[in-house]
Amino acid sequence: MEHHYYFIVEILSRLGLGHFAHEWAHVLHSWLVMIILILGCYLLVKGIQLIPTKGQSLLEMIVEGLENFMVDITGPEGRTFFPYICTIFLYVLVSNLIGLIPGFISPTANINTTLSLALLTFVLTHAIGVKFHGPKYLKHFLGPVIFLAPLMIIIEIIGHLARVMSLSIRLFGNIMGKEKILGILFGLAGLYFAPLPILFLGLLVSLIQAVVFMLLSIVYFTGAMEEAH
């Protein structure tokens, strides 16, 4: 069976872990993304000063921009789940971008990764609803008219499950498409000049999909925070 060439997979294959590396390439690259984020944040905040350095200023600008963007939508209460929103945005963004480097693959080009992220948002959405409303959160599923409640419950459950499918398939489909197109162009037209326009589009798609995933998560959280009508 033919396999794509990935640096991490080849290194592990030489160590006798070839089957595991080929089978779980997306997991290995997901770990790599987490290491990049952890080390990057550590280096940027190392030696935090009252007068920030360039690295510290960059990190503060990113975090503050994401927080202000989220609070404009959710209100001040949204700060309680900002750590998740910031983390998910940075993880999806770096995961999308790493696939643009020859020899690496985007973890988000695998449906298992995107489904896991969507399930996290799904679970946290309802945890926020219960936190803000307690047992009254169930009113979100009953609808405005009590005698239609059995029907509305089914509709609401289907709608919430559709969110998981929408989040996971949208991100997976776009990033997988980007990977396939780049792979074809690299194979047909060389590694550098011909794929450059697609690389630019890949950067754009990577950023847009990270923003879309973050924005939809914020919208779902905000809906769970609101009072049922």
Protein backbone atom coordinates (compact mmCIF):
# COMPACT_ATOMS: atom_id res chain seq x y z
CA MET A 1 0.00 0.00 0.00
CA GLU A 2 1.41 3.41 -1.00
CA HIS A 3 1.77 6.06 1.72
CA HIS A 4 2.39 9.78 1.56
CA TYR A 5 5.75 11.05 2.76
CA TYR A 6 5.52 12.76 6.15
CA PHE A 7 8.61 13.60 8.18
CA ILE A 8 7.20 12.44 11.51
CA VAL A 9 5.96 9.18 10.01
CA GLU A 10 9.32 8.47 8.36
CA ILE A 11 11.21 9.13 11.60
CA LEU A 12 8.99 6.76 13.56
CA SER A 13 9.17 4.17 10.77
CA ARG A 14 12.95 4.09 11.13
CA LEU A 15 12.42 3.45 14.85
CA GLY A 16 10.25 0.43 14.09
CA LEU A 17 6.89 2.16 14.62
CA GLY A 18 5.91 2.37 10.97
CA HIS A 19 2.48 0.75 11.25
CA PHE A 20 1.46 2.97 14.16
CA ALA A 21 2.84 6.08 12.45
CA HIS A 22 0.99 5.46 9.17
CA GLU A 23 -2.26 4.55 10.94
CA TRP A 24 -2.27 7.54 13.29
CA ALA A 25 -0.50 10.23 11.28
CA HIS A 26 -3.21 12.79 12.07
CA VAL A 27 -2.84 12.12 15.81
CA LEU A 28 0.94 12.53 15.64
CA HIS A 29 0.55 15.84 13.82
CA SER A 30 -2.07 16.91 16.35
CA TRP A 31 0.48 16.30 19.11
CA LEU A 32 2.99 18.31 17.11
CA VAL A 33 0.54 21.22 16.91
CA MET A 34 0.01 21.09 20.67
CA ILE A 35 3.78 21.10 21.26
CA ILE A 36 4.15 24.10 18.92
CA LEU A 37 1.43 26.01 20.79
CA ILE A 38 2.80 25.18 24.23
CA LEU A 39 6.39 26.05 23.33
CA GLY A 40 5.33 29.13 21.38
CA CYS A 41 3.29 30.52 24.26
CA TYR A 42 6.05 29.69 26.72
CA LEU A 43 8.68 31.50 24.67
CA LEU A 44 6.42 34.50 24.05
CA VAL A 45 5.53 34.98 27.70
CA LYS A 46 8.92 34.01 29.11
CA GLY A 47 10.11 36.85 31.27
CA ILE A 48 6.89 38.89 31.17
CA GLN A 49 7.62 42.55 31.78
CA LEU A 50 5.58 45.63 32.60
CA ILE A 51 6.93 47.15 29.38
CA PRO A 52 6.23 44.26 26.98
CA THR A 53 8.71 42.87 24.51
CA LYS A 54 7.79 42.37 20.85
CA GLY A 55 6.83 38.73 21.44
CA GLN A 56 4.78 39.59 24.51
CA SER A 57 3.05 42.43 22.64
CA LEU A 58 2.16 40.09 19.77
CA LEU A 59 0.63 37.50 22.08
CA GLU A 60 -1.25 40.16 24.06
CA MET A 61 -2.60 41.67 20.84
CA ILE A 62 -3.89 38.29 19.63
CA VAL A 63 -5.48 37.37 22.95
CA GLU A 64 -7.00 40.81 23.52
CA GLY A 65 -8.36 40.94 19.98
CA LEU A 66 -10.03 37.53 20.35
CA GLU A 67 -11.46 38.46 23.75
CA ASN A 68 -12.90 41.77 22.55
CA PHE A 69 -14.38 40.06 19.48
CA MET A 70 -16.06 37.45 21.67
CA VAL A 71 -17.30 39.86 24.34
CA ASP A 72 -18.92 42.05 21.67
CA ILE A 73 -21.09 39.05 20.80
CA THR A 74 -21.69 37.42 24.18
CA GLY A 75 -21.41 40.30 26.62
CA PRO A 76 -19.16 40.27 29.72
CA GLU A 77 -20.51 36.88 30.82
CA GLY A 78 -18.75 35.29 27.88
CA ARG A 79 -15.35 35.75 29.49
CA THR A 80 -16.00 32.56 31.49
CA PHE A 81 -15.42 30.41 28.40
CA PHE A 82 -12.85 32.61 26.67
CA PRO A 83 -9.93 30.23 27.44
CA TYR A 84 -11.66 27.52 25.40
CA ILE A 85 -12.45 29.87 22.50
CA CYS A 86 -8.88 31.19 22.35
CA THR A 87 -7.40 27.69 22.56
CA ILE A 88 -9.70 26.23 19.91
CA PHE A 89 -8.99 29.10 17.52
CA LEU A 90 -5.21 28.83 17.84
CA TYR A 91 -5.29 25.02 17.62
CA VAL A 92 -7.46 24.97 14.48
CA LEU A 93 -5.45 27.77 12.87
CA VAL A 94 -2.05 26.12 13.42
CA SER A 95 -3.49 22.71 12.45
CA ASN A 96 -4.76 24.17 9.19
CA LEU A 97 -1.52 25.99 8.41
CA ILE A 98 0.91 23.17 9.15
CA GLY A 99 -0.43 21.21 6.18
CA LEU A 100 0.89 23.92 3.85
CA ILE A 101 4.44 22.82 4.67
CA PRO A 102 5.64 19.94 2.47
CA GLY A 103 6.16 16.82 4.58
CA PHE A 104 3.38 17.61 7.05
CA ILE A 105 -0.37 17.07 7.14
CA SER A 106 -3.13 19.13 8.73
CA PRO A 107 -4.75 17.19 11.61
CA THR A 108 -7.98 18.96 10.68
CA ALA A 109 -7.91 17.18 7.30
CA ASN A 110 -9.06 14.08 9.20
CA ILE A 111 -12.73 13.73 10.16
CA ASN A 112 -11.81 12.20 13.53
CA THR A 113 -10.03 15.39 14.59
CA THR A 114 -12.80 17.75 13.47
CA LEU A 115 -15.49 15.53 14.98
CA SER A 116 -13.65 15.55 18.32
CA LEU A 117 -13.50 19.35 18.25
CA ALA A 118 -17.19 19.58 17.33
CA LEU A 119 -18.13 17.24 20.18
CA LEU A 120 -16.15 19.40 22.62
CA THR A 121 -18.14 22.45 21.53
CA PHE A 122 -21.39 20.44 21.72
CA VAL A 123 -20.74 19.27 25.29
CA LEU A 124 -19.53 22.67 26.48
CA THR A 125 -22.58 24.38 24.94
CA HIS A 126 -24.95 22.40 27.13
CA ALA A 127 -22.65 22.66 30.16
CA ILE A 128 -22.84 26.47 29.80
CA GLY A 129 -26.64 26.27 29.45
CA VAL A 130 -26.93 24.26 32.66
CA LYS A 131 -24.49 26.56 34.46
CA PHE A 132 -26.44 29.71 33.58
CA HIS A 133 -30.00 28.35 33.91
CA GLY A 134 -29.85 25.14 35.93
CA PRO A 135 -32.80 22.77 35.30
CA LYS A 136 -34.64 25.61 33.50
CA TYR A 137 -32.25 25.06 30.58
CA LEU A 138 -34.60 22.30 29.45
CA LYS A 139 -37.04 25.02 28.37
CA HIS A 140 -34.76 25.63 25.39
CA PHE A 141 -35.94 22.28 24.03
CA LEU A 142 -39.67 22.61 24.77
CA GLY A 143 -40.61 25.47 22.47
CA PRO A 144 -42.99 28.38 23.20
CA VAL A 145 -46.19 26.28 23.25
CA ILE A 146 -46.43 23.50 25.79
CA PHE A 147 -48.66 21.14 23.79
CA LEU A 148 -46.08 21.17 20.98
CA ALA A 149 -43.28 20.23 23.39
CA PRO A 150 -42.94 16.55 22.31
CA LEU A 151 -42.47 17.60 18.69
CA MET A 152 -40.16 20.49 19.58
CA ILE A 153 -37.92 18.25 21.67
CA ILE A 154 -37.31 15.98 18.67
CA ILE A 155 -36.68 18.96 16.39
CA GLU A 156 -34.29 20.59 18.88
CA ILE A 157 -32.33 17.37 19.41
CA ILE A 158 -31.94 16.91 15.65
CA GLY A 159 -30.90 20.57 15.31
CA HIS A 160 -28.24 20.29 18.02
CA LEU A 161 -26.86 17.06 16.55
CA ALA A 162 -26.78 18.75 13.14
CA ARG A 163 -24.49 21.38 14.67
CA VAL A 164 -21.92 18.68 15.37
CA MET A 165 -22.13 17.43 11.79
CA SER A 166 -21.96 20.97 10.41
CA LEU A 167 -18.91 21.97 12.48
CA SER A 168 -16.97 18.79 11.76
CA ILE A 169 -17.74 18.30 8.07
CA ARG A 170 -17.30 21.97 7.11
CA LEU A 171 -13.81 22.16 8.60
CA PHE A 172 -12.80 18.68 7.43
CA GLY A 173 -14.08 19.21 3.87
CA ASN A 174 -12.35 22.54 3.32
CA ILE A 175 -9.00 21.50 4.74
CA MET A 176 -9.06 18.10 3.03
CA GLY A 177 -9.82 19.85 -0.28
CA LYS A 178 -6.88 22.19 0.27
CA GLU A 179 -4.57 19.24 1.01
CA LYS A 180 -5.67 17.29 -2.07
CA ILE A 181 -5.29 20.24 -4.45
CA LEU A 182 -1.84 21.08 -3.11
CA GLY A 183 -0.79 17.45 -3.33
CA ILE A 184 -1.87 17.22 -6.97
CA LEU A 185 -0.10 20.46 -7.92
CA PHE A 186 3.08 19.50 -6.08
CA GLY A 187 3.10 16.21 -7.97
CA LEU A 188 2.36 17.69 -11.38
CA ALA A 189 4.13 21.04 -11.38
CA GLY A 190 6.95 20.97 -8.89
CA LEU A 191 7.26 22.12 -5.31
CA TYR A 192 7.43 25.88 -5.62
CA PHE A 193 6.23 28.10 -8.46
CA ALA A 194 3.03 26.57 -9.85
CA PRO A 195 1.37 25.92 -6.44
CA LEU A 196 2.06 29.46 -5.13
CA PRO A 197 -1.46 30.81 -5.90
CA ILE A 198 -2.98 27.77 -4.21
CA LEU A 199 -0.66 28.26 -1.24
CA PHE A 200 -2.01 31.79 -0.87
CA LEU A 201 -5.57 30.49 -1.08
CA GLY A 202 -4.60 27.80 1.42
CA LEU A 203 -3.50 30.48 3.88
CA LEU A 204 -6.79 32.29 3.37
CA VAL A 205 -8.88 29.13 3.77
CA SER A 206 -6.93 28.13 6.89
CA LEU A 207 -7.61 31.47 8.56
CA ILE A 208 -11.26 31.66 7.49
CA GLN A 209 -12.07 28.14 8.69
CA ALA A 210 -10.46 28.81 12.08
CA VAL A 211 -12.52 32.00 12.44
CA VAL A 212 -15.72 30.23 11.31
CA PHE A 213 -15.25 27.40 13.81
CA MET A 214 -14.58 29.89 16.60
CA LEU A 215 -17.49 32.13 15.61
CA LEU A 216 -20.00 29.28 15.42
CA SER A 217 -18.85 28.02 18.83
CA ILE A 218 -19.39 31.50 20.27
CA VAL A 219 -22.87 31.70 18.70
CA TYR A 220 -23.84 28.31 20.16
CA PHE A 221 -22.54 29.33 23.60
CA THR A 222 -24.44 32.60 23.42
CA GLY A 223 -27.65 30.78 22.52
CA ALA A 224 -27.21 28.53 25.56
CA MET A 225 -26.73 31.60 27.79
CA GLU A 226 -29.91 33.30 26.62
CA GLU A 227 -33.27 32.84 28.30
CA ALA A 228 -35.63 30.40 26.62
CA HIS A 229 -38.59 31.95 24.78
